[in-house]
Amino acid sequence: MSGVEALLRWLDLAGIAVFAASGALVASRKQLDAVGFIVIAAVTGFGGGTVRDLLLGRTPVFWLRDPALLAVASAVAVLVFFTAHRVENRFRALLWADAVGLSLFAVLGAEIALIAGAPPWAATLLGVATATFGGVLRDVICNEIPLLLRKEIYALAALAGAATFVLLRMQGIWRDPALLAGMAACFSIRAAAILRGWSLPAYRARPGRHHPDRD
């Protein structure tokens, strides 16, 4: 295994771990049992990559080809099951774990799409899907409004990270610097949004115009 392949491997495991942790933290807020923790952690960790692989026609999907990924997600879920009570503000911890996973998966998803032959624009969108769809499935199952649909800067951060990586790769920049730049772009935007409360403008209902009846 080359140095780059080893790096990608560890990044992939790290992404699964942090997204699994974010899913398990939601499970702790919902007071689920240990099996529920594992299910939500796995859905969060694998959901986006599963959607990406299905759209690219890469079957069986990635986690069915690598049992170690399911083992990592399950181990993280069990760990959080026994330690979540030590995190005083679990929603805040969820946001930061999710931000790290978002940054990792946005660029890794785009990288996998490029390797599979997707054009740059499609690879960028698939990077966003990889980074966000696991969280969407997690929140839908746990009956919460997905972060993707809130006015928080979330998908935009993933788009910035994936686009940065793809643009740098198209310019011939080496993979390692492109990966780090993409992750930094995504995490910086998401972290700033969390710390400063940045959000996109939300739609506000207005009274409709009154049209008098016409004879």
N, C-alpha and C. Protein backbone atom coordinates (compact mmCIF):
# COMPACT_ATOMS: atom_id res chain seq x y z
N MET A 1 0.85 -1.19 0.00
CA MET A 1 0.00 0.00 0.00
C MET A 1 0.88 1.24 0.00
N SER A 2 0.65 2.15 -0.97
CA SER A 2 1.45 3.37 -1.06
C SER A 2 1.09 4.31 0.08
N GLY A 3 1.92 5.38 0.21
CA GLY A 3 1.67 6.35 1.26
C GLY A 3 0.33 7.04 1.08
N VAL A 4 -0.01 7.39 -0.16
CA VAL A 4 -1.29 8.05 -0.43
C VAL A 4 -2.45 7.12 -0.13
N GLU A 5 -2.33 5.85 -0.55
CA GLU A 5 -3.39 4.89 -0.29
C GLU A 5 -3.58 4.66 1.21
N ALA A 6 -2.46 4.62 1.95
CA ALA A 6 -2.55 4.47 3.40
C ALA A 6 -3.24 5.67 4.03
N LEU A 7 -2.91 6.87 3.53
CA LEU A 7 -3.54 8.08 4.04
C LEU A 7 -5.05 8.04 3.79
N LEU A 8 -5.44 7.68 2.56
CA LEU A 8 -6.85 7.61 2.25
C LEU A 8 -7.57 6.58 3.12
N ARG A 9 -6.89 5.47 3.37
CA ARG A 9 -7.48 4.44 4.21
C ARG A 9 -7.75 4.96 5.62
N TRP A 10 -6.75 5.64 6.20
CA TRP A 10 -6.93 6.16 7.55
C TRP A 10 -7.97 7.28 7.58
N LEU A 11 -7.99 8.10 6.54
CA LEU A 11 -8.99 9.17 6.47
C LEU A 11 -10.39 8.58 6.37
N ASP A 12 -10.52 7.52 5.59
CA ASP A 12 -11.82 6.87 5.44
C ASP A 12 -12.29 6.32 6.78
N LEU A 13 -11.41 5.64 7.51
CA LEU A 13 -11.76 5.12 8.82
C LEU A 13 -12.09 6.25 9.80
N ALA A 14 -11.31 7.34 9.72
CA ALA A 14 -11.58 8.48 10.60
C ALA A 14 -12.93 9.09 10.29
N GLY A 15 -13.26 9.21 8.99
CA GLY A 15 -14.56 9.76 8.62
C GLY A 15 -15.71 8.91 9.12
N ILE A 16 -15.57 7.58 8.96
CA ILE A 16 -16.59 6.68 9.47
C ILE A 16 -16.73 6.84 10.98
N ALA A 17 -15.60 6.94 11.68
CA ALA A 17 -15.62 7.02 13.14
C ALA A 17 -16.32 8.29 13.62
N VAL A 18 -15.98 9.43 13.03
CA VAL A 18 -16.57 10.68 13.53
C VAL A 18 -18.04 10.79 13.15
N PHE A 19 -18.42 10.31 11.97
CA PHE A 19 -19.84 10.33 11.62
C PHE A 19 -20.62 9.33 12.48
N ALA A 20 -20.01 8.17 12.75
CA ALA A 20 -20.66 7.21 13.64
C ALA A 20 -20.85 7.82 15.03
N ALA A 21 -19.84 8.58 15.48
CA ALA A 21 -19.96 9.24 16.79
C ALA A 21 -21.09 10.26 16.78
N SER A 22 -21.21 11.01 15.70
CA SER A 22 -22.30 12.00 15.64
C SER A 22 -23.65 11.30 15.65
N GLY A 23 -23.75 10.16 14.95
CA GLY A 23 -25.00 9.40 14.97
C GLY A 23 -25.29 8.85 16.35
N ALA A 24 -24.27 8.33 17.02
CA ALA A 24 -24.46 7.79 18.37
C ALA A 24 -24.85 8.87 19.36
N LEU A 25 -24.34 10.09 19.18
CA LEU A 25 -24.72 11.18 20.07
C LEU A 25 -26.20 11.53 19.90
N VAL A 26 -26.69 11.47 18.67
CA VAL A 26 -28.13 11.67 18.47
C VAL A 26 -28.91 10.55 19.16
N ALA A 27 -28.42 9.32 19.03
CA ALA A 27 -29.07 8.18 19.68
C ALA A 27 -29.11 8.38 21.20
N SER A 28 -28.06 8.98 21.76
CA SER A 28 -28.04 9.21 23.21
C SER A 28 -29.09 10.25 23.60
N ARG A 29 -29.28 11.26 22.77
CA ARG A 29 -30.29 12.27 23.05
C ARG A 29 -31.70 11.67 22.97
N LYS A 30 -31.86 10.64 22.12
CA LYS A 30 -33.15 9.98 21.98
C LYS A 30 -33.30 8.81 22.97
N GLN A 31 -32.26 8.56 23.77
CA GLN A 31 -32.27 7.51 24.79
C GLN A 31 -32.58 6.13 24.21
N LEU A 32 -31.87 5.78 23.12
CA LEU A 32 -32.03 4.48 22.49
C LEU A 32 -31.18 3.44 23.22
N ASP A 33 -31.43 2.15 22.92
CA ASP A 33 -30.62 1.10 23.51
C ASP A 33 -29.34 0.91 22.68
N ALA A 34 -28.51 -0.05 23.07
CA ALA A 34 -27.21 -0.23 22.42
C ALA A 34 -27.37 -0.59 20.95
N VAL A 35 -28.38 -1.41 20.63
CA VAL A 35 -28.60 -1.76 19.23
C VAL A 35 -29.00 -0.52 18.43
N GLY A 36 -29.83 0.31 19.02
CA GLY A 36 -30.21 1.56 18.37
C GLY A 36 -29.01 2.45 18.11
N PHE A 37 -28.08 2.50 19.07
CA PHE A 37 -26.85 3.27 18.88
C PHE A 37 -26.09 2.78 17.65
N ILE A 38 -25.94 1.47 17.53
CA ILE A 38 -25.18 0.89 16.42
C ILE A 38 -25.87 1.17 15.09
N VAL A 39 -27.19 1.01 15.06
CA VAL A 39 -27.94 1.25 13.82
C VAL A 39 -27.81 2.70 13.37
N ILE A 40 -28.02 3.64 14.28
CA ILE A 40 -27.94 5.06 13.92
C ILE A 40 -26.51 5.45 13.54
N ALA A 41 -25.53 4.90 14.26
CA ALA A 41 -24.13 5.17 13.92
C ALA A 41 -23.80 4.66 12.52
N ALA A 42 -24.25 3.45 12.19
CA ALA A 42 -23.97 2.87 10.87
C ALA A 42 -24.67 3.65 9.77
N VAL A 43 -25.92 4.03 9.99
CA VAL A 43 -26.66 4.82 9.00
C VAL A 43 -25.95 6.13 8.72
N THR A 44 -25.49 6.78 9.78
CA THR A 44 -24.80 8.06 9.62
C THR A 44 -23.47 7.89 8.91
N GLY A 45 -22.73 6.86 9.29
CA GLY A 45 -21.41 6.66 8.69
C GLY A 45 -21.45 6.17 7.26
N PHE A 46 -22.46 5.39 6.90
CA PHE A 46 -22.48 4.74 5.59
C PHE A 46 -23.50 5.32 4.61
N GLY A 47 -24.44 6.12 5.11
CA GLY A 47 -25.54 6.57 4.26
C GLY A 47 -25.10 7.34 3.03
N GLY A 48 -24.25 8.34 3.22
CA GLY A 48 -23.82 9.16 2.09
C GLY A 48 -23.01 8.38 1.08
N GLY A 49 -22.08 7.55 1.57
CA GLY A 49 -21.25 6.75 0.67
C GLY A 49 -22.06 5.71 -0.08
N THR A 50 -23.11 5.20 0.56
CA THR A 50 -23.98 4.23 -0.11
C THR A 50 -24.71 4.88 -1.27
N VAL A 51 -25.25 6.08 -1.05
CA VAL A 51 -25.92 6.82 -2.12
C VAL A 51 -24.95 7.09 -3.26
N ARG A 52 -23.74 7.52 -2.92
CA ARG A 52 -22.71 7.79 -3.95
C ARG A 52 -22.41 6.54 -4.77
N ASP A 53 -22.17 5.42 -4.11
CA ASP A 53 -21.82 4.20 -4.82
C ASP A 53 -22.96 3.73 -5.73
N LEU A 54 -24.19 3.84 -5.26
CA LEU A 54 -25.33 3.43 -6.07
C LEU A 54 -25.46 4.31 -7.31
N LEU A 55 -25.23 5.60 -7.15
CA LEU A 55 -25.31 6.51 -8.30
C LEU A 55 -24.18 6.26 -9.29
N LEU A 56 -23.03 5.83 -8.79
CA LEU A 56 -21.89 5.54 -9.67
C LEU A 56 -21.92 4.12 -10.22
N GLY A 57 -22.86 3.29 -9.73
CA GLY A 57 -22.92 1.91 -10.17
C GLY A 57 -21.83 1.04 -9.56
N ARG A 58 -21.30 1.45 -8.41
CA ARG A 58 -20.25 0.68 -7.74
C ARG A 58 -20.90 -0.27 -6.75
N THR A 59 -21.12 -1.50 -7.16
CA THR A 59 -21.73 -2.49 -6.30
C THR A 59 -20.85 -3.73 -6.21
N PRO A 60 -20.87 -4.43 -5.06
CA PRO A 60 -21.58 -4.04 -3.83
C PRO A 60 -21.01 -2.75 -3.25
N VAL A 61 -21.83 -2.03 -2.50
CA VAL A 61 -21.41 -0.74 -1.95
C VAL A 61 -20.23 -0.94 -1.01
N PHE A 62 -19.53 0.15 -0.74
CA PHE A 62 -18.21 0.09 -0.11
C PHE A 62 -18.17 -0.65 1.21
N TRP A 63 -19.18 -0.48 2.05
CA TRP A 63 -19.09 -1.09 3.38
C TRP A 63 -19.38 -2.58 3.35
N LEU A 64 -20.00 -3.06 2.30
CA LEU A 64 -20.19 -4.51 2.16
C LEU A 64 -18.92 -5.20 1.70
N ARG A 65 -17.97 -4.42 1.16
CA ARG A 65 -16.70 -4.98 0.72
C ARG A 65 -15.62 -4.89 1.77
N ASP A 66 -15.91 -4.22 2.88
CA ASP A 66 -14.88 -3.99 3.90
C ASP A 66 -15.50 -4.10 5.29
N PRO A 67 -15.52 -5.31 5.87
CA PRO A 67 -16.13 -5.50 7.19
C PRO A 67 -15.52 -4.64 8.28
N ALA A 68 -14.27 -4.19 8.09
CA ALA A 68 -13.62 -3.38 9.12
C ALA A 68 -14.38 -2.08 9.36
N LEU A 69 -15.03 -1.56 8.33
CA LEU A 69 -15.76 -0.30 8.47
C LEU A 69 -16.95 -0.47 9.41
N LEU A 70 -17.68 -1.56 9.27
CA LEU A 70 -18.80 -1.83 10.16
C LEU A 70 -18.31 -2.06 11.59
N ALA A 71 -17.14 -2.70 11.72
CA ALA A 71 -16.57 -2.92 13.05
C ALA A 71 -16.22 -1.60 13.72
N VAL A 72 -15.66 -0.66 12.94
CA VAL A 72 -15.31 0.66 13.49
C VAL A 72 -16.56 1.40 13.93
N ALA A 73 -17.58 1.43 13.08
CA ALA A 73 -18.82 2.13 13.43
C ALA A 73 -19.46 1.52 14.67
N SER A 74 -19.47 0.21 14.75
CA SER A 74 -20.08 -0.46 15.91
C SER A 74 -19.30 -0.18 17.19
N ALA A 75 -17.97 -0.22 17.09
CA ALA A 75 -17.14 0.04 18.27
C ALA A 75 -17.33 1.46 18.77
N VAL A 76 -17.40 2.42 17.85
CA VAL A 76 -17.62 3.82 18.25
C VAL A 76 -18.99 3.97 18.89
N ALA A 77 -20.00 3.31 18.33
CA ALA A 77 -21.34 3.40 18.89
C ALA A 77 -21.39 2.87 20.32
N VAL A 78 -20.76 1.73 20.55
CA VAL A 78 -20.74 1.15 21.90
C VAL A 78 -19.97 2.06 22.86
N LEU A 79 -18.86 2.62 22.39
CA LEU A 79 -18.09 3.54 23.23
C LEU A 79 -18.92 4.75 23.65
N VAL A 80 -19.63 5.33 22.69
CA VAL A 80 -20.47 6.49 23.01
C VAL A 80 -21.62 6.09 23.93
N PHE A 81 -22.13 4.88 23.75
CA PHE A 81 -23.22 4.39 24.61
C PHE A 81 -22.82 4.46 26.09
N PHE A 82 -21.55 4.14 26.38
CA PHE A 82 -21.10 4.13 27.76
C PHE A 82 -20.50 5.45 28.24
N THR A 83 -20.26 6.38 27.32
CA THR A 83 -19.58 7.63 27.72
C THR A 83 -20.36 8.89 27.39
N ALA A 84 -21.48 8.79 26.68
CA ALA A 84 -22.21 9.99 26.25
C ALA A 84 -22.63 10.85 27.43
N HIS A 85 -22.91 10.23 28.57
CA HIS A 85 -23.36 11.00 29.74
C HIS A 85 -22.28 11.94 30.26
N ARG A 86 -21.03 11.70 29.86
CA ARG A 86 -19.94 12.57 30.31
C ARG A 86 -19.86 13.85 29.49
N VAL A 87 -20.53 13.88 28.35
CA VAL A 87 -20.54 15.08 27.51
C VAL A 87 -21.72 15.94 27.95
N GLU A 88 -21.44 17.07 28.59
CA GLU A 88 -22.50 17.89 29.16
C GLU A 88 -23.41 18.46 28.07
N ASN A 89 -22.82 18.96 26.99
CA ASN A 89 -23.61 19.55 25.92
C ASN A 89 -23.48 18.66 24.69
N ARG A 90 -24.35 17.66 24.61
CA ARG A 90 -24.21 16.67 23.55
C ARG A 90 -24.55 17.24 22.17
N PHE A 91 -25.44 18.22 22.11
CA PHE A 91 -25.75 18.81 20.81
C PHE A 91 -24.55 19.56 20.26
N ARG A 92 -23.82 20.24 21.14
CA ARG A 92 -22.62 20.96 20.70
C ARG A 92 -21.55 19.96 20.23
N ALA A 93 -21.38 18.88 20.98
CA ALA A 93 -20.44 17.84 20.56
C ALA A 93 -20.84 17.23 19.23
N LEU A 94 -22.16 17.05 19.03
CA LEU A 94 -22.66 16.53 17.77
C LEU A 94 -22.29 17.44 16.61
N LEU A 95 -22.44 18.74 16.80
CA LEU A 95 -22.13 19.68 15.73
C LEU A 95 -20.66 19.60 15.32
N TRP A 96 -19.76 19.49 16.30
CA TRP A 96 -18.33 19.45 15.97
C TRP A 96 -17.93 18.11 15.37
N ALA A 97 -18.46 17.01 15.89
CA ALA A 97 -18.17 15.71 15.28
C ALA A 97 -18.69 15.67 13.86
N ASP A 98 -19.87 16.23 13.65
CA ASP A 98 -20.45 16.25 12.32
C ASP A 98 -19.63 17.13 11.38
N ALA A 99 -19.07 18.23 11.89
CA ALA A 99 -18.26 19.12 11.05
C ALA A 99 -16.99 18.43 10.56
N VAL A 100 -16.36 17.65 11.44
CA VAL A 100 -15.17 16.91 11.04
C VAL A 100 -15.52 15.86 9.98
N GLY A 101 -16.60 15.11 10.23
CA GLY A 101 -17.02 14.11 9.26
C GLY A 101 -17.41 14.73 7.93
N LEU A 102 -18.08 15.86 7.98
CA LEU A 102 -18.46 16.58 6.77
C LEU A 102 -17.24 16.92 5.94
N SER A 103 -16.20 17.42 6.58
CA SER A 103 -14.99 17.83 5.87
C SER A 103 -14.27 16.63 5.24
N LEU A 104 -14.18 15.54 5.99
CA LEU A 104 -13.51 14.35 5.47
C LEU A 104 -14.26 13.74 4.29
N PHE A 105 -15.57 13.57 4.44
CA PHE A 105 -16.34 12.87 3.43
C PHE A 105 -16.59 13.70 2.18
N ALA A 106 -16.61 15.03 2.31
CA ALA A 106 -16.81 15.87 1.13
C ALA A 106 -15.69 15.65 0.12
N VAL A 107 -14.45 15.62 0.60
CA VAL A 107 -13.32 15.45 -0.32
C VAL A 107 -13.11 13.99 -0.70
N LEU A 108 -13.32 13.07 0.24
CA LEU A 108 -13.15 11.66 -0.09
C LEU A 108 -14.21 11.20 -1.08
N GLY A 109 -15.43 11.70 -0.92
CA GLY A 109 -16.48 11.35 -1.86
C GLY A 109 -16.17 11.88 -3.25
N ALA A 110 -15.67 13.10 -3.33
CA ALA A 110 -15.29 13.66 -4.62
C ALA A 110 -14.13 12.89 -5.24
N GLU A 111 -13.18 12.48 -4.40
CA GLU A 111 -12.04 11.70 -4.88
C GLU A 111 -12.48 10.37 -5.48
N ILE A 112 -13.36 9.67 -4.78
CA ILE A 112 -13.84 8.39 -5.27
C ILE A 112 -14.61 8.56 -6.58
N ALA A 113 -15.40 9.63 -6.66
CA ALA A 113 -16.16 9.88 -7.88
C ALA A 113 -15.22 10.16 -9.06
N LEU A 114 -14.17 10.93 -8.83
CA LEU A 114 -13.20 11.20 -9.90
C LEU A 114 -12.52 9.91 -10.35
N ILE A 115 -12.13 9.08 -9.41
CA ILE A 115 -11.48 7.81 -9.74
C ILE A 115 -12.42 6.93 -10.56
N ALA A 116 -13.73 7.00 -10.24
CA ALA A 116 -14.72 6.20 -10.96
C ALA A 116 -15.03 6.75 -12.34
N GLY A 117 -14.46 7.91 -12.69
CA GLY A 117 -14.66 8.47 -14.02
C GLY A 117 -15.72 9.54 -14.13
N ALA A 118 -16.24 10.02 -13.00
CA ALA A 118 -17.25 11.07 -13.04
C ALA A 118 -16.62 12.38 -13.50
N PRO A 119 -17.33 13.20 -14.27
CA PRO A 119 -16.82 14.52 -14.64
C PRO A 119 -16.69 15.41 -13.42
N PRO A 120 -15.89 16.47 -13.49
CA PRO A 120 -15.63 17.30 -12.30
C PRO A 120 -16.89 17.82 -11.61
N TRP A 121 -17.86 18.30 -12.38
CA TRP A 121 -19.07 18.84 -11.74
C TRP A 121 -19.84 17.76 -10.99
N ALA A 122 -19.91 16.56 -11.58
CA ALA A 122 -20.61 15.45 -10.93
C ALA A 122 -19.84 14.98 -9.70
N ALA A 123 -18.51 14.95 -9.80
CA ALA A 123 -17.70 14.54 -8.66
C ALA A 123 -17.90 15.50 -7.49
N THR A 124 -18.03 16.79 -7.78
CA THR A 124 -18.28 17.77 -6.73
C THR A 124 -19.61 17.52 -6.04
N LEU A 125 -20.66 17.29 -6.83
CA LEU A 125 -21.98 17.04 -6.26
C LEU A 125 -22.01 15.73 -5.48
N LEU A 126 -21.30 14.71 -5.98
CA LEU A 126 -21.26 13.44 -5.26
C LEU A 126 -20.46 13.56 -3.97
N GLY A 127 -19.48 14.46 -3.94
CA GLY A 127 -18.79 14.74 -2.69
C GLY A 127 -19.74 15.33 -1.66
N VAL A 128 -20.59 16.26 -2.11
CA VAL A 128 -21.60 16.84 -1.21
C VAL A 128 -22.57 15.77 -0.73
N ALA A 129 -23.01 14.91 -1.64
CA ALA A 129 -23.94 13.83 -1.26
C ALA A 129 -23.31 12.89 -0.25
N THR A 130 -22.05 12.53 -0.48
CA THR A 130 -21.34 11.65 0.45
C THR A 130 -21.27 12.26 1.84
N ALA A 131 -21.05 13.57 1.89
CA ALA A 131 -20.86 14.25 3.17
C ALA A 131 -22.16 14.51 3.91
N THR A 132 -23.28 14.62 3.19
CA THR A 132 -24.50 15.11 3.84
C THR A 132 -25.61 14.08 3.99
N PHE A 133 -25.68 13.08 3.11
CA PHE A 133 -26.84 12.20 3.11
C PHE A 133 -26.89 11.28 4.33
N GLY A 134 -25.74 10.92 4.88
CA GLY A 134 -25.76 10.11 6.10
C GLY A 134 -26.42 10.86 7.25
N GLY A 135 -26.09 12.15 7.37
CA GLY A 135 -26.71 12.98 8.40
C GLY A 135 -28.19 13.17 8.17
N VAL A 136 -28.58 13.29 6.90
CA VAL A 136 -30.00 13.43 6.58
C VAL A 136 -30.77 12.19 7.02
N LEU A 137 -30.25 11.01 6.65
CA LEU A 137 -30.91 9.76 7.06
C LEU A 137 -30.96 9.62 8.57
N ARG A 138 -29.86 10.00 9.24
CA ARG A 138 -29.83 9.95 10.71
C ARG A 138 -30.94 10.79 11.31
N ASP A 139 -31.07 12.02 10.85
CA ASP A 139 -32.05 12.93 11.44
C ASP A 139 -33.48 12.53 11.10
N VAL A 140 -33.69 12.02 9.90
CA VAL A 140 -35.03 11.58 9.52
C VAL A 140 -35.46 10.41 10.40
N ILE A 141 -34.57 9.42 10.57
CA ILE A 141 -34.90 8.26 11.40
C ILE A 141 -35.16 8.68 12.85
N CYS A 142 -34.41 9.67 13.33
CA CYS A 142 -34.55 10.12 14.71
C CYS A 142 -35.59 11.25 14.86
N ASN A 143 -36.35 11.50 13.79
CA ASN A 143 -37.44 12.46 13.83
C ASN A 143 -36.97 13.87 14.18
N GLU A 144 -35.88 14.29 13.53
CA GLU A 144 -35.39 15.65 13.69
C GLU A 144 -35.28 16.30 12.30
N ILE A 145 -35.33 17.62 12.27
CA ILE A 145 -35.16 18.33 11.00
C ILE A 145 -33.69 18.21 10.61
N PRO A 146 -33.39 17.66 9.42
CA PRO A 146 -31.98 17.49 9.03
C PRO A 146 -31.23 18.81 8.99
N LEU A 147 -29.95 18.76 9.38
CA LEU A 147 -29.12 19.96 9.31
C LEU A 147 -29.09 20.53 7.90
N LEU A 148 -29.18 19.64 6.91
CA LEU A 148 -29.14 20.07 5.51
C LEU A 148 -30.29 20.99 5.17
N LEU A 149 -31.43 20.84 5.85
CA LEU A 149 -32.62 21.62 5.54
C LEU A 149 -32.80 22.83 6.45
N ARG A 150 -31.91 22.98 7.40
CA ARG A 150 -31.98 24.16 8.25
C ARG A 150 -31.24 25.30 7.58
N LYS A 151 -31.38 26.49 8.15
CA LYS A 151 -30.74 27.65 7.53
C LYS A 151 -29.26 27.75 7.86
N GLU A 152 -28.74 26.77 8.64
CA GLU A 152 -27.31 26.77 8.96
C GLU A 152 -26.49 26.53 7.69
N ILE A 153 -25.26 27.06 7.69
CA ILE A 153 -24.35 26.83 6.57
C ILE A 153 -23.76 25.44 6.72
N TYR A 154 -24.25 24.50 5.92
CA TYR A 154 -23.89 23.09 6.05
C TYR A 154 -23.52 22.50 4.69
N ALA A 155 -24.50 22.35 3.83
CA ALA A 155 -24.23 21.82 2.49
C ALA A 155 -23.29 22.76 1.73
N LEU A 156 -23.40 24.07 1.99
CA LEU A 156 -22.53 25.03 1.32
C LEU A 156 -21.07 24.79 1.70
N ALA A 157 -20.82 24.43 2.95
CA ALA A 157 -19.45 24.13 3.38
C ALA A 157 -18.93 22.88 2.68
N ALA A 158 -19.78 21.85 2.58
CA ALA A 158 -19.39 20.62 1.88
C ALA A 158 -19.11 20.92 0.41
N LEU A 159 -19.93 21.77 -0.19
CA LEU A 159 -19.73 22.14 -1.60
C LEU A 159 -18.40 22.86 -1.79
N ALA A 160 -18.06 23.75 -0.85
CA ALA A 160 -16.80 24.47 -0.95
C ALA A 160 -15.61 23.52 -0.84
N GLY A 161 -15.69 22.56 0.08
CA GLY A 161 -14.61 21.60 0.24
C GLY A 161 -14.43 20.71 -0.96
N ALA A 162 -15.55 20.14 -1.46
CA ALA A 162 -15.47 19.26 -2.62
C ALA A 162 -15.00 20.02 -3.85
N ALA A 163 -15.52 21.23 -4.05
CA ALA A 163 -15.13 22.02 -5.22
C ALA A 163 -13.66 22.42 -5.16
N THR A 164 -13.18 22.77 -3.97
CA THR A 164 -11.76 23.11 -3.83
C THR A 164 -10.88 21.94 -4.22
N PHE A 165 -11.21 20.76 -3.72
CA PHE A 165 -10.43 19.56 -4.05
C PHE A 165 -10.45 19.28 -5.54
N VAL A 166 -11.63 19.29 -6.14
CA VAL A 166 -11.75 18.96 -7.56
C VAL A 166 -11.01 19.98 -8.42
N LEU A 167 -11.15 21.26 -8.10
CA LEU A 167 -10.47 22.29 -8.89
C LEU A 167 -8.96 22.15 -8.81
N LEU A 168 -8.46 21.87 -7.62
CA LEU A 168 -7.02 21.71 -7.47
C LEU A 168 -6.52 20.48 -8.23
N ARG A 169 -7.29 19.40 -8.19
CA ARG A 169 -6.89 18.20 -8.93
C ARG A 169 -6.92 18.44 -10.43
N MET A 170 -7.91 19.22 -10.89
CA MET A 170 -7.98 19.54 -12.32
C MET A 170 -6.82 20.43 -12.76
N GLN A 171 -6.23 21.16 -11.82
CA GLN A 171 -5.07 22.00 -12.11
C GLN A 171 -3.76 21.23 -11.98
N GLY A 172 -3.84 19.95 -11.68
CA GLY A 172 -2.65 19.12 -11.59
C GLY A 172 -1.98 19.13 -10.23
N ILE A 173 -2.65 19.68 -9.21
CA ILE A 173 -2.07 19.69 -7.86
C ILE A 173 -2.07 18.27 -7.31
N TRP A 174 -1.02 17.91 -6.61
CA TRP A 174 -0.92 16.57 -6.02
C TRP A 174 -2.11 16.29 -5.12
N ARG A 175 -2.40 15.02 -4.98
CA ARG A 175 -3.59 14.59 -4.26
C ARG A 175 -3.53 15.00 -2.79
N ASP A 176 -2.41 14.79 -2.12
CA ASP A 176 -2.34 15.10 -0.68
C ASP A 176 -2.63 16.56 -0.38
N PRO A 177 -1.93 17.53 -1.03
CA PRO A 177 -2.27 18.93 -0.76
C PRO A 177 -3.70 19.28 -1.14
N ALA A 178 -4.21 18.68 -2.21
CA ALA A 178 -5.59 18.95 -2.61
C ALA A 178 -6.57 18.45 -1.57
N LEU A 179 -6.31 17.25 -1.03
CA LEU A 179 -7.15 16.70 0.03
C LEU A 179 -7.17 17.62 1.26
N LEU A 180 -5.99 18.02 1.68
CA LEU A 180 -5.90 18.87 2.88
C LEU A 180 -6.56 20.22 2.65
N ALA A 181 -6.38 20.79 1.45
CA ALA A 181 -6.98 22.09 1.15
C ALA A 181 -8.50 22.00 1.12
N GLY A 182 -9.01 20.93 0.53
CA GLY A 182 -10.46 20.75 0.49
C GLY A 182 -11.06 20.57 1.87
N MET A 183 -10.41 19.75 2.70
CA MET A 183 -10.90 19.55 4.06
C MET A 183 -10.83 20.84 4.86
N ALA A 184 -9.74 21.59 4.69
CA ALA A 184 -9.59 22.85 5.42
C ALA A 184 -10.66 23.85 5.02
N ALA A 185 -10.96 23.91 3.71
CA ALA A 185 -11.99 24.85 3.24
C ALA A 185 -13.34 24.52 3.84
N CYS A 186 -13.71 23.24 3.82
CA CYS A 186 -15.00 22.83 4.36
C CYS A 186 -15.07 23.06 5.86
N PHE A 187 -14.05 22.61 6.60
CA PHE A 187 -14.09 22.72 8.05
C PHE A 187 -14.06 24.18 8.50
N SER A 188 -13.28 25.02 7.82
CA SER A 188 -13.20 26.43 8.21
C SER A 188 -14.56 27.11 8.10
N ILE A 189 -15.26 26.85 7.01
CA ILE A 189 -16.57 27.48 6.81
C ILE A 189 -17.58 26.96 7.83
N ARG A 190 -17.59 25.65 8.02
CA ARG A 190 -18.55 25.07 8.97
C ARG A 190 -18.23 25.49 10.41
N ALA A 191 -16.94 25.53 10.76
CA ALA A 191 -16.56 25.94 12.11
C ALA A 191 -16.94 27.39 12.37
N ALA A 192 -16.70 28.25 11.37
CA ALA A 192 -17.06 29.65 11.52
C ALA A 192 -18.57 29.80 11.69
N ALA A 193 -19.33 28.99 10.96
CA ALA A 193 -20.79 29.06 11.08
C ALA A 193 -21.25 28.64 12.47
N ILE A 194 -20.60 27.61 13.04
CA ILE A 194 -20.96 27.16 14.38
C ILE A 194 -20.59 28.20 15.43
N LEU A 195 -19.38 28.73 15.33
CA LEU A 195 -18.88 29.66 16.35
C LEU A 195 -19.56 31.02 16.28
N ARG A 196 -19.83 31.49 15.06
CA ARG A 196 -20.36 32.84 14.89
C ARG A 196 -21.87 32.86 14.63
N GLY A 197 -22.45 31.68 14.52
CA GLY A 197 -23.89 31.64 14.28
C GLY A 197 -24.29 32.06 12.89
N TRP A 198 -23.39 31.91 11.92
CA TRP A 198 -23.72 32.27 10.54
C TRP A 198 -24.80 31.35 10.01
N SER A 199 -25.65 31.90 9.18
CA SER A 199 -26.69 31.10 8.55
C SER A 199 -27.12 31.76 7.26
N LEU A 200 -27.74 30.98 6.41
CA LEU A 200 -28.29 31.52 5.18
C LEU A 200 -29.64 32.16 5.48
N PRO A 201 -30.03 33.16 4.69
CA PRO A 201 -31.35 33.78 4.93
C PRO A 201 -32.47 32.77 4.69
N ALA A 202 -33.40 32.73 5.60
CA ALA A 202 -34.53 31.81 5.49
C ALA A 202 -35.74 32.54 4.92
N TYR A 203 -36.60 31.79 4.29
CA TYR A 203 -37.83 32.38 3.73
C TYR A 203 -38.74 32.82 4.86
N ARG A 204 -39.31 34.00 4.71
CA ARG A 204 -40.27 34.51 5.68
C ARG A 204 -41.60 34.72 4.99
N ALA A 205 -42.63 34.17 5.59
CA ALA A 205 -43.95 34.27 4.99
C ALA A 205 -44.41 35.72 4.97
N ARG A 206 -45.07 36.10 3.90
CA ARG A 206 -45.62 37.44 3.76
C ARG A 206 -47.11 37.32 3.45
N PRO A 207 -47.88 38.31 3.86
CA PRO A 207 -49.30 38.27 3.51
C PRO A 207 -49.48 38.35 2.00
N GLY A 208 -50.35 37.55 1.47
CA GLY A 208 -50.58 37.56 0.03
C GLY A 208 -51.27 38.84 -0.42
N ARG A 209 -51.07 39.16 -1.68
CA ARG A 209 -51.73 40.34 -2.23
C ARG A 209 -53.23 40.11 -2.35
N HIS A 210 -53.95 41.16 -2.09
CA HIS A 210 -55.40 41.05 -2.21
C HIS A 210 -55.83 41.48 -3.60
N HIS A 211 -56.51 40.61 -4.29
CA HIS A 211 -57.00 40.90 -5.63
C HIS A 211 -58.52 40.96 -5.57
N PRO A 212 -59.08 42.13 -5.70
CA PRO A 212 -60.56 42.23 -5.65
C PRO A 212 -61.18 41.41 -6.78
N ASP A 213 -62.32 40.85 -6.47
CA ASP A 213 -63.03 40.09 -7.49
C ASP A 213 -63.39 40.96 -8.67
N ARG A 214 -63.27 40.37 -9.82
CA ARG A 214 -63.64 41.09 -11.04
C ARG A 214 -64.96 40.55 -11.56
N ASP A 215 -65.78 41.45 -11.98
CA ASP A 215 -67.06 41.01 -12.53
C ASP A 215 -66.87 40.48 -13.95
